[in-house]
Amino acid sequence: MADFLKIPDDCHLRLSSDIIRTQPDLIQYMNKSLQNYQKGMAAFDNCHNPTLQSQWVALKDESS
């Protein structure tokens, strides 16, 4: 009956809690995530003029 809820065996689903538990150094993992975020934001800034409108759109995108 609930077969439609079953995750296929070949699906590589990873939950956030699983990722955090498997990381030997959570601080290192979080620092790497922050570095990746900063690189992504730098790429965004290179493609978009830093106007009030673009910053507002970026803030709305981030919060959603």
PDB file of N, CA and C in Angstrom:
ATOM      1  N   MET A   1       0.814  -1.196   0.000  1.00  0.00           N
ATOM      2  CA  MET A   1       0.000   0.000   0.000  1.00  0.00           C
ATOM      3  C   MET A   1       0.860   1.264   0.000  1.00  0.00           C
ATOM      4  N   ALA A   2       1.903   1.298   0.828  1.00  0.00           N
ATOM      5  CA  ALA A   2       2.734   2.503   0.930  1.00  0.00           C
ATOM      6  C   ALA A   2       4.011   2.354   0.119  1.00  0.00           C
ATOM      7  N   ASP A   3       3.975   1.526  -0.937  1.00  0.00           N
ATOM      8  CA  ASP A   3       5.170   1.351  -1.766  1.00  0.00           C
ATOM      9  C   ASP A   3       5.580   2.642  -2.459  1.00  0.00           C
ATOM     10  N   PHE A   4       4.639   3.528  -2.718  1.00  0.00           N
ATOM     11  CA  PHE A   4       4.986   4.782  -3.375  1.00  0.00           C
ATOM     12  C   PHE A   4       5.832   5.669  -2.479  1.00  0.00           C
ATOM     13  N   LEU A   5       5.848   5.414  -1.173  1.00  0.00           N
ATOM     14  CA  LEU A   5       6.674   6.180  -0.244  1.00  0.00           C
ATOM     15  C   LEU A   5       8.072   5.590  -0.081  1.00  0.00           C
ATOM     16  N   LYS A   6       8.276   4.374  -0.586  1.00  0.00           N
ATOM     17  CA  LYS A   6       9.556   3.702  -0.419  1.00  0.00           C
ATOM     18  C   LYS A   6      10.622   4.373  -1.294  1.00  0.00           C
ATOM     19  N   ILE A   7      11.770   4.649  -0.702  1.00  0.00           N
ATOM     20  CA  ILE A   7      12.892   5.240  -1.433  1.00  0.00           C
ATOM     21  C   ILE A   7      13.597   4.108  -2.180  1.00  0.00           C
ATOM     22  N   PRO A   8      13.813   4.263  -3.480  1.00  0.00           N
ATOM     23  CA  PRO A   8      14.485   3.211  -4.244  1.00  0.00           C
ATOM     24  C   PRO A   8      15.864   2.908  -3.670  1.00  0.00           C
ATOM     25  N   ASP A   9      16.285   1.636  -3.814  1.00  0.00           N
ATOM     26  CA  ASP A   9      17.580   1.211  -3.283  1.00  0.00           C
ATOM     27  C   ASP A   9      18.747   1.937  -3.950  1.00  0.00           C
ATOM     28  N   ASP A  10      18.575   2.354  -5.210  1.00  0.00           N
ATOM     29  CA  ASP A  10      19.672   3.007  -5.918  1.00  0.00           C
ATOM     30  C   ASP A  10      19.698   4.521  -5.697  1.00  0.00           C
ATOM     31  N   CYS A  11      18.838   5.008  -4.824  1.00  0.00           N
ATOM     32  CA  CYS A  11      18.793   6.439  -4.523  1.00  0.00           C
ATOM     33  C   CYS A  11      19.832   6.759  -3.450  1.00  0.00           C
ATOM     34  N   HIS A  12      20.635   7.772  -3.682  1.00  0.00           N
ATOM     35  CA  HIS A  12      21.687   8.142  -2.737  1.00  0.00           C
ATOM     36  C   HIS A  12      21.243   9.349  -1.924  1.00  0.00           C
ATOM     37  N   LEU A  13      20.186   9.174  -1.156  1.00  0.00           N
ATOM     38  CA  LEU A  13      19.646  10.239  -0.323  1.00  0.00           C
ATOM     39  C   LEU A  13      20.538  10.426   0.895  1.00  0.00           C
ATOM     40  N   ARG A  14      20.925  11.668   1.147  1.00  0.00           N
ATOM     41  CA  ARG A  14      21.723  11.964   2.333  1.00  0.00           C
ATOM     42  C   ARG A  14      21.036  13.076   3.095  1.00  0.00           C
ATOM     43  N   LEU A  15      20.717  12.791   4.318  1.00  0.00           N
ATOM     44  CA  LEU A  15      20.095  13.779   5.183  1.00  0.00           C
ATOM     45  C   LEU A  15      21.169  14.653   5.804  1.00  0.00           C
ATOM     46  N   SER A  16      20.808  15.870   6.160  1.00  0.00           N
ATOM     47  CA  SER A  16      21.766  16.785   6.789  1.00  0.00           C
ATOM     48  C   SER A  16      22.351  16.172   8.050  1.00  0.00           C
ATOM     49  N   SER A  17      21.501  15.512   8.832  1.00  0.00           N
ATOM     50  CA  SER A  17      21.995  14.917  10.077  1.00  0.00           C
ATOM     51  C   SER A  17      23.010  13.815   9.800  1.00  0.00           C
ATOM     52  N   ASP A  18      22.824  13.061   8.699  1.00  0.00           N
ATOM     53  CA  ASP A  18      23.784  12.024   8.336  1.00  0.00           C
ATOM     54  C   ASP A  18      25.118  12.641   7.937  1.00  0.00           C
ATOM     55  N   ILE A  19      25.065  13.733   7.189  1.00  0.00           N
ATOM     56  CA  ILE A  19      26.289  14.398   6.754  1.00  0.00           C
ATOM     57  C   ILE A  19      27.048  14.934   7.964  1.00  0.00           C
ATOM     58  N   ILE A  20      26.336  15.566   8.877  1.00  0.00           N
ATOM     59  CA  ILE A  20      26.983  16.147  10.049  1.00  0.00           C
ATOM     60  C   ILE A  20      27.588  15.055  10.924  1.00  0.00           C
ATOM     61  N   ARG A  21      26.864  13.940  11.107  1.00  0.00           N
ATOM     62  CA  ARG A  21      27.376  12.861  11.951  1.00  0.00           C
ATOM     63  C   ARG A  21      28.611  12.199  11.359  1.00  0.00           C
ATOM     64  N   THR A  22      28.706  12.173  10.027  1.00  0.00           N
ATOM     65  CA  THR A  22      29.839  11.490   9.410  1.00  0.00           C
ATOM     66  C   THR A  22      31.058  12.388   9.296  1.00  0.00           C
ATOM     67  N   GLN A  23      30.922  13.668   9.551  1.00  0.00           N
ATOM     68  CA  GLN A  23      32.061  14.577   9.452  1.00  0.00           C
ATOM     69  C   GLN A  23      32.890  14.497  10.727  1.00  0.00           C
ATOM     70  N   PRO A  24      34.194  14.193  10.598  1.00  0.00           N
ATOM     71  CA  PRO A  24      35.026  14.097  11.784  1.00  0.00           C
ATOM     72  C   PRO A  24      35.230  15.446  12.464  1.00  0.00           C
ATOM     73  N   ASP A  25      35.176  16.508  11.704  1.00  0.00           N
ATOM     74  CA  ASP A  25      35.409  17.826  12.282  1.00  0.00           C
ATOM     75  C   ASP A  25      34.321  18.768  11.768  1.00  0.00           C
ATOM     76  N   LEU A  26      33.317  18.982  12.573  1.00  0.00           N
ATOM     77  CA  LEU A  26      32.181  19.796  12.167  1.00  0.00           C
ATOM     78  C   LEU A  26      32.590  21.227  11.858  1.00  0.00           C
ATOM     79  N   ILE A  27      33.532  21.775  12.611  1.00  0.00           N
ATOM     80  CA  ILE A  27      34.002  23.146  12.367  1.00  0.00           C
ATOM     81  C   ILE A  27      34.618  23.245  10.981  1.00  0.00           C
ATOM     82  N   GLN A  28      35.441  22.266  10.614  1.00  0.00           N
ATOM     83  CA  GLN A  28      36.070  22.257   9.301  1.00  0.00           C
ATOM     84  C   GLN A  28      35.002  22.171   8.210  1.00  0.00           C
ATOM     85  N   TYR A  29      33.995  21.332   8.401  1.00  0.00           N
ATOM     86  CA  TYR A  29      32.909  21.183   7.434  1.00  0.00           C
ATOM     87  C   TYR A  29      32.149  22.499   7.273  1.00  0.00           C
ATOM     88  N   MET A  30      31.860  23.166   8.377  1.00  0.00           N
ATOM     89  CA  MET A  30      31.117  24.422   8.319  1.00  0.00           C
ATOM     90  C   MET A  30      31.961  25.524   7.688  1.00  0.00           C
ATOM     91  N   ASN A  31      33.257  25.546   7.982  1.00  0.00           N
ATOM     92  CA  ASN A  31      34.142  26.534   7.359  1.00  0.00           C
ATOM     93  C   ASN A  31      34.194  26.346   5.848  1.00  0.00           C
ATOM     94  N   LYS A  32      34.246  25.089   5.397  1.00  0.00           N
ATOM     95  CA  LYS A  32      34.269  24.812   3.960  1.00  0.00           C
ATOM     96  C   LYS A  32      32.952  25.262   3.331  1.00  0.00           C
ATOM     97  N   SER A  33      31.836  25.026   4.003  1.00  0.00           N
ATOM     98  CA  SER A  33      30.537  25.467   3.493  1.00  0.00           C
ATOM     99  C   SER A  33      30.498  26.988   3.383  1.00  0.00           C
ATOM    100  N   LEU A  34      31.037  27.684   4.372  1.00  0.00           N
ATOM    101  CA  LEU A  34      31.073  29.140   4.347  1.00  0.00           C
ATOM    102  C   LEU A  34      31.960  29.639   3.207  1.00  0.00           C
ATOM    103  N   GLN A  35      33.097  28.995   3.001  1.00  0.00           N
ATOM    104  CA  GLN A  35      33.984  29.380   1.898  1.00  0.00           C
ATOM    105  C   GLN A  35      33.284  29.205   0.554  1.00  0.00           C
ATOM    106  N   ASN A  36      32.557  28.096   0.394  1.00  0.00           N
ATOM    107  CA  ASN A  36      31.827  27.853  -0.847  1.00  0.00           C
ATOM    108  C   ASN A  36      30.733  28.891  -1.041  1.00  0.00           C
ATOM    109  N   TYR A  37      30.058  29.267   0.037  1.00  0.00           N
ATOM    110  CA  TYR A  37      29.022  30.294  -0.030  1.00  0.00           C
ATOM    111  C   TYR A  37      29.634  31.630  -0.456  1.00  0.00           C
ATOM    112  N   GLN A  38      30.772  31.968   0.133  1.00  0.00           N
ATOM    113  CA  GLN A  38      31.437  33.224  -0.206  1.00  0.00           C
ATOM    114  C   GLN A  38      31.885  33.241  -1.668  1.00  0.00           C
ATOM    115  N   LYS A  39      32.364  32.108  -2.186  1.00  0.00           N
ATOM    116  CA  LYS A  39      32.747  32.027  -3.596  1.00  0.00           C
ATOM    117  C   LYS A  39      31.520  32.227  -4.485  1.00  0.00           C
ATOM    118  N   GLY A  40      30.416  31.619  -4.104  1.00  0.00           N
ATOM    119  CA  GLY A  40      29.186  31.769  -4.872  1.00  0.00           C
ATOM    120  C   GLY A  40      28.691  33.197  -4.874  1.00  0.00           C
ATOM    121  N   MET A  41      28.755  33.859  -3.738  1.00  0.00           N
ATOM    122  CA  MET A  41      28.321  35.257  -3.659  1.00  0.00           C
ATOM    123  C   MET A  41      29.262  36.164  -4.448  1.00  0.00           C
ATOM    124  N   ALA A  42      30.548  35.855  -4.447  1.00  0.00           N
ATOM    125  CA  ALA A  42      31.501  36.650  -5.240  1.00  0.00           C
ATOM    126  C   ALA A  42      31.190  36.501  -6.728  1.00  0.00           C
ATOM    127  N   ALA A  43      30.845  35.277  -7.163  1.00  0.00           N
ATOM    128  CA  ALA A  43      30.476  35.063  -8.564  1.00  0.00           C
ATOM    129  C   ALA A  43      29.205  35.834  -8.897  1.00  0.00           C
ATOM    130  N   PHE A  44      28.239  35.838  -7.986  1.00  0.00           N
ATOM    131  CA  PHE A  44      26.999  36.593  -8.185  1.00  0.00           C
ATOM    132  C   PHE A  44      27.310  38.077  -8.324  1.00  0.00           C
ATOM    133  N   ASP A  45      28.167  38.591  -7.446  1.00  0.00           N
ATOM    134  CA  ASP A  45      28.515  40.008  -7.482  1.00  0.00           C
ATOM    135  C   ASP A  45      29.229  40.392  -8.775  1.00  0.00           C
ATOM    136  N   ASN A  46      30.014  39.466  -9.330  1.00  0.00           N
ATOM    137  CA  ASN A  46      30.700  39.743 -10.595  1.00  0.00           C
ATOM    138  C   ASN A  46      29.734  39.845 -11.765  1.00  0.00           C
ATOM    139  N   CYS A  47      28.600  39.188 -11.662  1.00  0.00           N
ATOM    140  CA  CYS A  47      27.627  39.169 -12.759  1.00  0.00           C
ATOM    141  C   CYS A  47      26.530  40.215 -12.603  1.00  0.00           C
ATOM    142  N   HIS A  48      26.382  40.770 -11.423  1.00  0.00           N
ATOM    143  CA  HIS A  48      25.296  41.712 -11.162  1.00  0.00           C
ATOM    144  C   HIS A  48      25.859  43.005 -10.572  1.00  0.00           C
ATOM    145  N   ASN A  49      25.401  44.113 -11.109  1.00  0.00           N
ATOM    146  CA  ASN A  49      25.810  45.396 -10.554  1.00  0.00           C
ATOM    147  C   ASN A  49      25.262  45.541  -9.137  1.00  0.00           C
ATOM    148  N   PRO A  50      26.070  46.009  -8.214  1.00  0.00           N
ATOM    149  CA  PRO A  50      25.605  46.147  -6.825  1.00  0.00           C
ATOM    150  C   PRO A  50      24.699  47.369  -6.637  1.00  0.00           C
ATOM    151  N   THR A  51      23.516  47.282  -7.189  1.00  0.00           N
ATOM    152  CA  THR A  51      22.538  48.349  -7.013  1.00  0.00           C
ATOM    153  C   THR A  51      21.611  47.985  -5.860  1.00  0.00           C
ATOM    154  N   LEU A  52      20.869  48.932  -5.389  1.00  0.00           N
ATOM    155  CA  LEU A  52      19.905  48.666  -4.328  1.00  0.00           C
ATOM    156  C   LEU A  52      18.911  47.600  -4.779  1.00  0.00           C
ATOM    157  N   GLN A  53      18.467  47.683  -6.026  1.00  0.00           N
ATOM    158  CA  GLN A  53      17.507  46.708  -6.556  1.00  0.00           C
ATOM    159  C   GLN A  53      18.102  45.306  -6.589  1.00  0.00           C
ATOM    160  N   SER A  54      19.334  45.167  -7.101  1.00  0.00           N
ATOM    161  CA  SER A  54      19.936  43.832  -7.192  1.00  0.00           C
ATOM    162  C   SER A  54      20.202  43.248  -5.811  1.00  0.00           C
ATOM    163  N   GLN A  55      20.583  44.098  -4.859  1.00  0.00           N
ATOM    164  CA  GLN A  55      20.814  43.608  -3.505  1.00  0.00           C
ATOM    165  C   GLN A  55      19.506  43.176  -2.847  1.00  0.00           C
ATOM    166  N   TRP A  56      18.431  43.889  -3.137  1.00  0.00           N
ATOM    167  CA  TRP A  56      17.113  43.528  -2.598  1.00  0.00           C
ATOM    168  C   TRP A  56      16.668  42.182  -3.170  1.00  0.00           C
ATOM    169  N   VAL A  57      16.864  41.993  -4.476  1.00  0.00           N
ATOM    170  CA  VAL A  57      16.495  40.729  -5.106  1.00  0.00           C
ATOM    171  C   VAL A  57      17.333  39.582  -4.514  1.00  0.00           C
ATOM    172  N   ALA A  58      18.614  39.823  -4.315  1.00  0.00           N
ATOM    173  CA  ALA A  58      19.490  38.805  -3.734  1.00  0.00           C
ATOM    174  C   ALA A  58      19.036  38.454  -2.316  1.00  0.00           C
ATOM    175  N   LEU A  59      18.671  39.454  -1.526  1.00  0.00           N
ATOM    176  CA  LEU A  59      18.210  39.205  -0.166  1.00  0.00           C
ATOM    177  C   LEU A  59      16.924  38.378  -0.166  1.00  0.00           C
ATOM    178  N   LYS A  60      15.987  38.723  -1.060  1.00  0.00           N
ATOM    179  CA  LYS A  60      14.730  37.963  -1.145  1.00  0.00           C
ATOM    180  C   LYS A  60      14.991  36.531  -1.575  1.00  0.00           C
ATOM    181  N   ASP A  61      15.912  36.334  -2.539  1.00  0.00           N
ATOM    182  CA  ASP A  61      16.252  34.981  -2.975  1.00  0.00           C
ATOM    183  C   ASP A  61      16.875  34.170  -1.846  1.00  0.00           C
ATOM    184  N   GLU A  62      17.760  34.797  -1.095  1.00  0.00           N
ATOM    185  CA  GLU A  62      18.414  34.120   0.020  1.00  0.00           C
ATOM    186  C   GLU A  62      17.416  33.673   1.080  1.00  0.00           C
ATOM    187  N   SER A  63      16.449  34.526   1.360  1.00  0.00           N
ATOM    188  CA  SER A  63      15.522  34.217   2.444  1.00  0.00           C
ATOM    189  C   SER A  63      14.465  33.195   2.044  1.00  0.00           C
ATOM    190  N   SER A  64      14.314  32.955   0.748  1.00  0.00           N
ATOM    191  CA  SER A  64      13.290  31.988   0.333  1.00  0.00           C
ATOM    192  C   SER A  64      13.840  30.624   0.044  1.00  0.00           C
TER     193      SER A  64
END
